[in-house]
């Protein structure tokens, strides 16, 4: 941040320097390369956001789609960390050629975050263990018929 971006005011304790609020967001892509095996462009993204705590991934996705002339649905952002003191964040960006390659190669937990595949059905630990115990007690094809929450007859 250069000196002209700061506003100084005089107080009884001395000079107070404040940053201007909500300046423009700047994107810088580093280590860009085309991964032909996975049909995507990979890069490390530096996001400069002086005066802001951080920038939402939705807003970043819009900016990247505009800059790289692609659809927002084909962009995956993850691993963002804000530098100490704020003003800069760094993370990873994958831009797939199309939706099919995104679904084929992207990690399942990231697809769940993007709401492209349904979330896992949560089964409690106790229920899983009870089911395992019931299956141990029966033999053969009956193991597949054993269900949680029911008594064996």
N, C-alpha and C. Protein backbone atom coordinates (compact mmCIF):
# COMPACT_ATOMS: atom_id res chain seq x y z
N UNK A 1 0.85 -1.16 0.00
CA UNK A 1 0.00 0.00 0.00
C UNK A 1 0.90 1.23 0.00
N UNK A 2 0.73 2.10 -0.96
CA UNK A 2 1.58 3.28 -1.03
C UNK A 2 0.99 4.40 -0.17
N UNK A 3 1.78 5.44 0.01
CA UNK A 3 1.42 6.52 0.93
C UNK A 3 0.15 7.24 0.49
N UNK A 4 -0.06 7.41 -0.80
CA UNK A 4 -1.25 8.15 -1.24
C UNK A 4 -2.54 7.37 -1.02
N UNK A 5 -2.44 6.05 -0.75
CA UNK A 5 -3.63 5.24 -0.46
C UNK A 5 -4.05 5.35 1.00
N UNK A 6 -3.28 6.06 1.80
CA UNK A 6 -3.59 6.17 3.22
C UNK A 6 -4.14 7.55 3.55
N UNK A 7 -4.97 7.58 4.54
CA UNK A 7 -5.54 8.83 5.02
C UNK A 7 -5.03 9.03 6.43
N UNK A 8 -4.44 10.18 6.71
CA UNK A 8 -3.92 10.41 8.05
C UNK A 8 -4.74 11.49 8.74
N UNK A 9 -4.94 11.30 10.02
CA UNK A 9 -5.66 12.29 10.83
C UNK A 9 -4.84 12.58 12.07
N UNK A 10 -4.95 13.78 12.56
CA UNK A 10 -4.20 14.18 13.75
C UNK A 10 -5.07 13.95 14.99
N UNK A 11 -4.50 13.37 16.02
CA UNK A 11 -5.22 13.18 17.29
C UNK A 11 -4.30 13.59 18.43
N UNK A 12 -4.80 13.47 19.65
CA UNK A 12 -3.98 13.84 20.81
C UNK A 12 -2.83 12.87 21.02
N UNK A 13 -2.96 11.65 20.51
CA UNK A 13 -1.93 10.64 20.69
C UNK A 13 -0.93 10.61 19.53
N UNK A 14 -1.12 11.42 18.53
CA UNK A 14 -0.21 11.43 17.39
C UNK A 14 -0.97 11.22 16.10
N UNK A 15 -0.28 10.78 15.07
CA UNK A 15 -0.89 10.58 13.76
C UNK A 15 -1.48 9.18 13.67
N UNK A 16 -2.74 9.08 13.24
CA UNK A 16 -3.41 7.80 13.04
C UNK A 16 -3.49 7.58 11.54
N UNK A 17 -2.99 6.45 11.08
CA UNK A 17 -3.02 6.14 9.65
C UNK A 17 -4.07 5.07 9.42
N UNK A 18 -5.02 5.35 8.53
CA UNK A 18 -6.10 4.43 8.20
C UNK A 18 -6.05 4.12 6.72
N UNK A 19 -6.33 2.88 6.36
CA UNK A 19 -6.39 2.52 4.94
C UNK A 19 -7.75 2.94 4.38
N UNK A 20 -7.78 3.24 3.12
CA UNK A 20 -9.06 3.57 2.48
C UNK A 20 -9.93 2.33 2.45
N UNK A 21 -11.22 2.46 2.68
CA UNK A 21 -12.08 1.28 2.72
C UNK A 21 -12.38 0.74 1.32
N UNK A 22 -12.42 -0.59 1.22
CA UNK A 22 -12.90 -1.33 0.05
C UNK A 22 -12.32 -0.85 -1.27
N UNK A 23 -11.02 -0.99 -1.41
CA UNK A 23 -10.41 -0.66 -2.69
C UNK A 23 -10.64 -1.79 -3.67
N UNK A 24 -10.21 -1.65 -4.90
CA UNK A 24 -10.50 -2.64 -5.93
C UNK A 24 -9.77 -3.96 -5.65
N UNK A 25 -10.36 -5.03 -6.14
CA UNK A 25 -9.82 -6.37 -5.98
C UNK A 25 -8.97 -6.68 -7.21
N UNK A 26 -7.76 -7.17 -6.99
CA UNK A 26 -6.85 -7.49 -8.08
C UNK A 26 -6.51 -8.97 -8.03
N UNK A 27 -6.61 -9.64 -9.19
CA UNK A 27 -6.27 -11.06 -9.30
C UNK A 27 -4.94 -11.20 -10.02
N UNK A 28 -4.08 -12.09 -9.53
CA UNK A 28 -2.85 -12.40 -10.24
C UNK A 28 -2.70 -13.92 -10.26
N UNK A 29 -2.59 -14.48 -11.45
CA UNK A 29 -2.44 -15.93 -11.60
C UNK A 29 -0.96 -16.25 -11.74
N UNK A 30 -0.48 -17.18 -10.91
CA UNK A 30 0.90 -17.64 -10.97
C UNK A 30 0.92 -19.12 -11.27
N UNK A 31 2.05 -19.59 -11.75
CA UNK A 31 2.27 -21.02 -12.01
C UNK A 31 1.15 -21.61 -12.86
N UNK A 32 0.73 -20.88 -13.89
CA UNK A 32 -0.33 -21.34 -14.78
C UNK A 32 0.22 -22.40 -15.72
N UNK A 33 -0.52 -23.47 -15.90
CA UNK A 33 -0.17 -24.39 -16.97
C UNK A 33 -1.40 -25.19 -17.37
N UNK A 34 -1.35 -25.69 -18.59
CA UNK A 34 -2.45 -26.45 -19.16
C UNK A 34 -2.18 -27.92 -18.88
N UNK A 35 -3.04 -28.55 -18.10
CA UNK A 35 -2.91 -29.97 -17.79
C UNK A 35 -3.76 -30.74 -18.79
N UNK A 36 -3.14 -31.22 -19.85
CA UNK A 36 -3.88 -31.87 -20.93
C UNK A 36 -4.41 -33.24 -20.52
N UNK A 37 -3.74 -33.89 -19.58
CA UNK A 37 -4.20 -35.20 -19.11
C UNK A 37 -5.55 -35.10 -18.41
N UNK A 38 -5.75 -34.02 -17.64
CA UNK A 38 -6.98 -33.84 -16.88
C UNK A 38 -7.90 -32.79 -17.51
N UNK A 39 -7.54 -32.29 -18.70
CA UNK A 39 -8.37 -31.33 -19.45
C UNK A 39 -8.73 -30.10 -18.61
N UNK A 40 -7.71 -29.48 -18.03
CA UNK A 40 -7.96 -28.29 -17.22
C UNK A 40 -6.74 -27.37 -17.24
N UNK A 41 -7.00 -26.12 -16.87
CA UNK A 41 -5.92 -25.16 -16.61
C UNK A 41 -5.77 -25.05 -15.10
N UNK A 42 -4.54 -25.12 -14.63
CA UNK A 42 -4.26 -25.05 -13.19
C UNK A 42 -3.44 -23.82 -12.91
N UNK A 43 -3.70 -23.21 -11.77
CA UNK A 43 -2.93 -22.02 -11.40
C UNK A 43 -3.03 -21.75 -9.91
N UNK A 44 -2.08 -20.97 -9.43
CA UNK A 44 -2.13 -20.44 -8.07
C UNK A 44 -2.63 -19.01 -8.21
N UNK A 45 -3.66 -18.67 -7.46
CA UNK A 45 -4.26 -17.34 -7.54
C UNK A 45 -3.85 -16.49 -6.35
N UNK A 46 -3.35 -15.30 -6.64
CA UNK A 46 -3.11 -14.29 -5.61
C UNK A 46 -4.22 -13.25 -5.73
N UNK A 47 -4.93 -13.02 -4.66
CA UNK A 47 -6.02 -12.05 -4.65
C UNK A 47 -5.62 -10.91 -3.72
N UNK A 48 -5.51 -9.71 -4.27
CA UNK A 48 -5.19 -8.53 -3.47
C UNK A 48 -6.49 -7.80 -3.17
N UNK A 49 -6.80 -7.64 -1.88
CA UNK A 49 -8.05 -7.02 -1.46
C UNK A 49 -7.82 -6.09 -0.28
N UNK A 50 -7.13 -4.98 -0.52
CA UNK A 50 -6.87 -4.05 0.60
C UNK A 50 -8.16 -3.45 1.13
N UNK A 51 -8.28 -3.38 2.42
CA UNK A 51 -9.47 -2.81 3.04
C UNK A 51 -10.59 -3.82 3.24
N UNK A 52 -10.43 -5.05 2.73
CA UNK A 52 -11.44 -6.10 2.89
C UNK A 52 -10.83 -7.27 3.65
N UNK A 53 -11.64 -7.96 4.43
CA UNK A 53 -11.15 -9.13 5.16
C UNK A 53 -10.81 -10.26 4.19
N UNK A 54 -11.72 -10.54 3.28
CA UNK A 54 -11.49 -11.53 2.23
C UNK A 54 -12.53 -11.34 1.13
N UNK A 55 -12.46 -12.15 0.10
CA UNK A 55 -13.38 -12.06 -1.03
C UNK A 55 -14.07 -13.42 -1.16
N UNK A 56 -15.37 -13.42 -1.41
CA UNK A 56 -16.10 -14.68 -1.53
C UNK A 56 -15.69 -15.43 -2.79
N UNK A 57 -15.79 -16.76 -2.72
CA UNK A 57 -15.43 -17.58 -3.87
C UNK A 57 -16.37 -17.34 -5.04
N UNK A 58 -17.62 -17.00 -4.76
CA UNK A 58 -18.58 -16.71 -5.83
C UNK A 58 -18.13 -15.49 -6.64
N UNK A 59 -17.70 -14.45 -5.94
CA UNK A 59 -17.24 -13.24 -6.62
C UNK A 59 -15.95 -13.52 -7.40
N UNK A 60 -15.05 -14.30 -6.80
CA UNK A 60 -13.82 -14.68 -7.50
C UNK A 60 -14.12 -15.50 -8.74
N UNK A 61 -15.08 -16.41 -8.62
CA UNK A 61 -15.46 -17.25 -9.76
C UNK A 61 -15.98 -16.39 -10.92
N UNK A 62 -16.77 -15.38 -10.60
CA UNK A 62 -17.26 -14.45 -11.64
C UNK A 62 -16.12 -13.72 -12.32
N UNK A 63 -15.17 -13.22 -11.52
CA UNK A 63 -14.05 -12.46 -12.06
C UNK A 63 -13.16 -13.34 -12.94
N UNK A 64 -12.91 -14.56 -12.51
CA UNK A 64 -12.06 -15.48 -13.28
C UNK A 64 -12.75 -15.89 -14.58
N UNK A 65 -14.06 -16.14 -14.52
CA UNK A 65 -14.81 -16.51 -15.72
C UNK A 65 -14.74 -15.40 -16.76
N UNK A 66 -14.83 -14.16 -16.31
CA UNK A 66 -14.75 -13.02 -17.21
C UNK A 66 -13.35 -12.89 -17.80
N UNK A 67 -12.35 -13.07 -16.96
CA UNK A 67 -10.96 -12.90 -17.40
C UNK A 67 -10.50 -14.00 -18.36
N UNK A 68 -10.88 -15.26 -18.08
CA UNK A 68 -10.45 -16.38 -18.90
C UNK A 68 -11.49 -16.80 -19.94
N UNK A 69 -12.58 -16.05 -20.05
CA UNK A 69 -13.64 -16.28 -21.03
C UNK A 69 -14.15 -17.73 -20.99
N UNK A 70 -14.64 -18.10 -19.84
CA UNK A 70 -15.17 -19.45 -19.66
C UNK A 70 -16.43 -19.39 -18.80
N UNK A 71 -17.09 -20.52 -18.66
CA UNK A 71 -18.31 -20.60 -17.87
C UNK A 71 -17.96 -20.73 -16.38
N UNK A 72 -18.73 -20.10 -15.52
CA UNK A 72 -18.48 -20.15 -14.07
C UNK A 72 -18.61 -21.56 -13.51
N UNK A 73 -19.42 -22.39 -14.14
CA UNK A 73 -19.66 -23.75 -13.65
C UNK A 73 -18.42 -24.64 -13.78
N UNK A 74 -17.48 -24.26 -14.65
CA UNK A 74 -16.29 -25.08 -14.90
C UNK A 74 -15.10 -24.69 -14.03
N UNK A 75 -15.29 -23.78 -13.10
CA UNK A 75 -14.19 -23.26 -12.27
C UNK A 75 -14.30 -23.81 -10.85
N UNK A 76 -13.16 -24.31 -10.33
CA UNK A 76 -13.08 -24.78 -8.96
C UNK A 76 -12.04 -23.97 -8.22
N UNK A 77 -12.41 -23.43 -7.07
CA UNK A 77 -11.50 -22.65 -6.22
C UNK A 77 -11.39 -23.35 -4.88
N UNK A 78 -10.17 -23.47 -4.35
CA UNK A 78 -10.01 -24.12 -3.05
C UNK A 78 -8.67 -23.74 -2.42
N UNK A 79 -8.55 -24.01 -1.13
CA UNK A 79 -7.29 -23.83 -0.42
C UNK A 79 -6.87 -22.38 -0.21
N UNK A 80 -7.82 -21.48 -0.06
CA UNK A 80 -7.47 -20.07 0.10
C UNK A 80 -7.06 -19.78 1.54
N UNK A 81 -5.95 -19.04 1.67
CA UNK A 81 -5.45 -18.61 2.96
C UNK A 81 -5.20 -17.11 2.88
N UNK A 82 -5.65 -16.40 3.89
CA UNK A 82 -5.43 -14.96 3.95
C UNK A 82 -4.12 -14.69 4.69
N UNK A 83 -3.29 -13.86 4.12
CA UNK A 83 -2.01 -13.52 4.75
C UNK A 83 -2.24 -12.77 6.05
N UNK A 84 -1.29 -12.88 6.95
CA UNK A 84 -1.39 -12.19 8.23
C UNK A 84 -1.43 -10.68 7.97
N UNK A 85 -2.38 -10.01 8.59
CA UNK A 85 -2.56 -8.58 8.38
C UNK A 85 -3.59 -8.28 7.31
N UNK A 86 -4.03 -9.29 6.57
CA UNK A 86 -5.05 -9.10 5.54
C UNK A 86 -4.51 -8.46 4.29
N UNK A 87 -5.40 -8.21 3.36
CA UNK A 87 -5.01 -7.52 2.13
C UNK A 87 -4.62 -8.44 1.00
N UNK A 88 -4.25 -9.69 1.31
CA UNK A 88 -3.84 -10.62 0.26
C UNK A 88 -4.23 -12.04 0.65
N UNK A 89 -4.80 -12.77 -0.30
CA UNK A 89 -5.12 -14.18 -0.11
C UNK A 89 -4.53 -14.97 -1.25
N UNK A 90 -4.18 -16.22 -0.97
CA UNK A 90 -3.61 -17.09 -1.99
C UNK A 90 -4.33 -18.42 -1.96
N UNK A 91 -4.65 -18.97 -3.14
CA UNK A 91 -5.33 -20.26 -3.23
C UNK A 91 -5.13 -20.87 -4.60
N UNK A 92 -5.83 -21.97 -4.86
CA UNK A 92 -5.69 -22.70 -6.11
C UNK A 92 -6.94 -22.57 -6.95
N UNK A 93 -6.75 -22.67 -8.27
CA UNK A 93 -7.87 -22.55 -9.20
C UNK A 93 -7.70 -23.59 -10.31
N UNK A 94 -8.75 -24.35 -10.59
CA UNK A 94 -8.79 -25.26 -11.71
C UNK A 94 -9.90 -24.78 -12.64
N UNK A 95 -9.60 -24.66 -13.93
CA UNK A 95 -10.60 -24.30 -14.93
C UNK A 95 -10.70 -25.47 -15.90
N UNK A 96 -11.80 -26.20 -15.85
CA UNK A 96 -12.00 -27.36 -16.71
C UNK A 96 -12.57 -26.93 -18.06
N UNK A 97 -12.32 -27.77 -19.08
CA UNK A 97 -12.80 -27.45 -20.43
C UNK A 97 -14.32 -27.49 -20.50
N UNK A 98 -14.94 -28.46 -19.81
CA UNK A 98 -16.40 -28.51 -19.76
C UNK A 98 -16.87 -29.23 -18.50
N UNK A 99 -18.16 -29.28 -18.29
CA UNK A 99 -18.76 -29.84 -17.08
C UNK A 99 -18.47 -31.33 -16.93
N UNK A 100 -18.40 -32.06 -18.05
CA UNK A 100 -18.15 -33.51 -17.99
C UNK A 100 -16.79 -33.82 -17.38
N UNK A 101 -15.76 -33.08 -17.81
CA UNK A 101 -14.43 -33.30 -17.26
C UNK A 101 -14.37 -32.89 -15.79
N UNK A 102 -15.10 -31.87 -15.42
CA UNK A 102 -15.17 -31.44 -14.02
C UNK A 102 -15.74 -32.57 -13.17
N UNK A 103 -16.84 -33.17 -13.60
CA UNK A 103 -17.46 -34.25 -12.84
C UNK A 103 -16.59 -35.50 -12.82
N UNK A 104 -15.82 -35.72 -13.89
CA UNK A 104 -15.01 -36.92 -13.99
C UNK A 104 -13.75 -36.86 -13.12
N UNK A 105 -13.07 -35.70 -13.10
CA UNK A 105 -11.75 -35.62 -12.47
C UNK A 105 -11.71 -34.91 -11.12
N UNK A 106 -12.68 -34.07 -10.82
CA UNK A 106 -12.62 -33.28 -9.58
C UNK A 106 -12.93 -34.17 -8.37
N UNK A 107 -12.32 -33.83 -7.24
CA UNK A 107 -12.53 -34.58 -5.99
C UNK A 107 -13.99 -34.50 -5.56
N UNK A 108 -14.49 -35.59 -5.00
CA UNK A 108 -15.92 -35.68 -4.65
C UNK A 108 -16.33 -34.64 -3.61
N UNK A 109 -15.46 -34.36 -2.63
CA UNK A 109 -15.84 -33.40 -1.59
C UNK A 109 -15.97 -32.00 -2.17
N UNK A 110 -15.18 -31.67 -3.20
CA UNK A 110 -15.32 -30.36 -3.84
C UNK A 110 -16.57 -30.30 -4.70
N UNK A 111 -16.95 -31.42 -5.30
CA UNK A 111 -18.19 -31.46 -6.08
C UNK A 111 -19.40 -31.28 -5.15
N UNK A 112 -19.31 -31.82 -3.94
CA UNK A 112 -20.39 -31.64 -2.97
C UNK A 112 -20.51 -30.18 -2.56
N UNK A 113 -19.37 -29.50 -2.39
CA UNK A 113 -19.39 -28.08 -2.05
C UNK A 113 -20.04 -27.25 -3.14
N UNK A 114 -19.81 -27.65 -4.39
CA UNK A 114 -20.40 -26.95 -5.53
C UNK A 114 -21.84 -27.38 -5.79
N UNK A 115 -22.33 -28.33 -4.98
CA UNK A 115 -23.70 -28.85 -5.10
C UNK A 115 -23.94 -29.55 -6.45
N UNK A 116 -22.89 -30.19 -6.98
CA UNK A 116 -23.02 -30.92 -8.24
C UNK A 116 -23.38 -32.38 -8.01
N UNK A 117 -23.05 -32.92 -6.83
CA UNK A 117 -23.49 -34.26 -6.46
C UNK A 117 -24.13 -34.16 -5.07
N UNK A 118 -25.06 -35.06 -4.76
CA UNK A 118 -25.75 -34.96 -3.46
C UNK A 118 -24.82 -35.27 -2.29
N UNK A 119 -25.16 -34.72 -1.13
CA UNK A 119 -24.38 -34.94 0.08
C UNK A 119 -24.59 -36.36 0.58
N UNK A 120 -23.61 -36.88 1.33
CA UNK A 120 -23.72 -38.21 1.89
C UNK A 120 -24.82 -38.25 2.94
N UNK A 121 -25.47 -39.40 3.05
CA UNK A 121 -26.47 -39.60 4.09
C UNK A 121 -25.72 -39.97 5.36
N UNK A 122 -25.87 -39.18 6.41
CA UNK A 122 -25.14 -39.40 7.65
C UNK A 122 -25.79 -40.52 8.46
N UNK A 123 -24.99 -41.55 8.77
CA UNK A 123 -25.43 -42.63 9.64
C UNK A 123 -24.54 -42.58 10.86
N UNK A 124 -25.16 -42.62 12.04
CA UNK A 124 -24.38 -42.48 13.26
C UNK A 124 -23.45 -43.67 13.47
N UNK A 125 -22.41 -43.44 14.23
CA UNK A 125 -21.41 -44.46 14.52
C UNK A 125 -22.05 -45.65 15.25
N UNK A 126 -22.93 -45.36 16.19
CA UNK A 126 -23.59 -46.41 16.96
C UNK A 126 -24.42 -47.31 16.05
N UNK A 127 -25.15 -46.72 15.11
CA UNK A 127 -25.98 -47.49 14.18
C UNK A 127 -25.12 -48.40 13.31
N UNK A 128 -23.99 -47.87 12.83
CA UNK A 128 -23.09 -48.70 12.00
C UNK A 128 -22.56 -49.89 12.79
N UNK A 129 -22.19 -49.66 14.04
CA UNK A 129 -21.64 -50.74 14.86
C UNK A 129 -22.70 -51.79 15.20
N UNK A 130 -23.93 -51.35 15.47
CA UNK A 130 -25.02 -52.30 15.74
C UNK A 130 -25.29 -53.16 14.52
N UNK A 131 -25.27 -52.56 13.35
CA UNK A 131 -25.51 -53.28 12.11
C UNK A 131 -24.40 -54.31 11.86
N UNK A 132 -23.16 -53.93 12.13
CA UNK A 132 -22.03 -54.83 11.96
C UNK A 132 -22.16 -56.03 12.89
N UNK A 133 -22.58 -55.79 14.14
CA UNK A 133 -22.76 -56.87 15.11
C UNK A 133 -23.86 -57.82 14.66
N UNK A 134 -24.97 -57.29 14.16
CA UNK A 134 -26.08 -58.12 13.68
C UNK A 134 -25.66 -58.98 12.50
N UNK A 135 -24.84 -58.41 11.61
CA UNK A 135 -24.39 -59.16 10.42
C UNK A 135 -23.44 -60.28 10.81
N UNK A 136 -22.69 -60.10 11.88
CA UNK A 136 -21.78 -61.15 12.33
C UNK A 136 -22.53 -62.39 12.79
N UNK A 137 -23.73 -62.18 13.33
CA UNK A 137 -24.50 -63.27 13.93
C UNK A 137 -25.22 -64.13 12.91
N UNK A 138 -25.41 -63.65 11.67
CA UNK A 138 -26.10 -64.43 10.64
C UNK A 138 -25.11 -64.88 9.58
N UNK A 139 -25.53 -65.87 8.78
CA UNK A 139 -24.64 -66.42 7.77
C UNK A 139 -25.24 -66.33 6.38
N UNK A 140 -24.38 -66.29 5.39
CA UNK A 140 -24.80 -66.38 3.99
C UNK A 140 -25.58 -65.18 3.49
N UNK A 141 -26.66 -65.48 2.72
CA UNK A 141 -27.46 -64.42 2.08
C UNK A 141 -28.24 -63.59 3.09
N UNK A 142 -28.42 -64.09 4.28
CA UNK A 142 -29.17 -63.37 5.32
C UNK A 142 -28.45 -62.09 5.76
N UNK A 143 -27.12 -62.04 5.55
CA UNK A 143 -26.35 -60.84 5.95
C UNK A 143 -26.83 -59.60 5.21
N UNK A 144 -27.19 -59.76 3.94
CA UNK A 144 -27.64 -58.61 3.15
C UNK A 144 -29.05 -58.18 3.55
N UNK A 145 -29.81 -59.08 4.17
CA UNK A 145 -31.18 -58.75 4.56
C UNK A 145 -31.26 -58.06 5.92
N UNK A 146 -30.20 -58.16 6.70
CA UNK A 146 -30.18 -57.53 8.03
C UNK A 146 -30.15 -56.03 7.87
N UNK A 147 -31.06 -55.35 8.57
CA UNK A 147 -31.13 -53.88 8.51
C UNK A 147 -30.96 -53.28 9.89
N UNK A 148 -30.55 -52.04 9.92
CA UNK A 148 -30.37 -51.36 11.21
C UNK A 148 -31.71 -51.06 11.85
N UNK A 149 -31.76 -51.14 13.17
CA UNK A 149 -32.94 -50.75 13.92
C UNK A 149 -34.00 -51.82 14.05
N UNK A 150 -33.74 -53.01 13.50
CA UNK A 150 -34.73 -54.08 13.63
C UNK A 150 -34.14 -55.24 14.40
N UNK A 151 -34.96 -55.93 15.17
CA UNK A 151 -34.51 -57.10 15.93
C UNK A 151 -34.50 -58.32 15.01
N UNK A 152 -33.54 -59.20 15.24
CA UNK A 152 -33.46 -60.46 14.48
C UNK A 152 -34.51 -61.43 15.01
N UNK A 153 -35.23 -62.08 14.09
CA UNK A 153 -36.30 -63.01 14.51
C UNK A 153 -35.80 -64.43 14.51
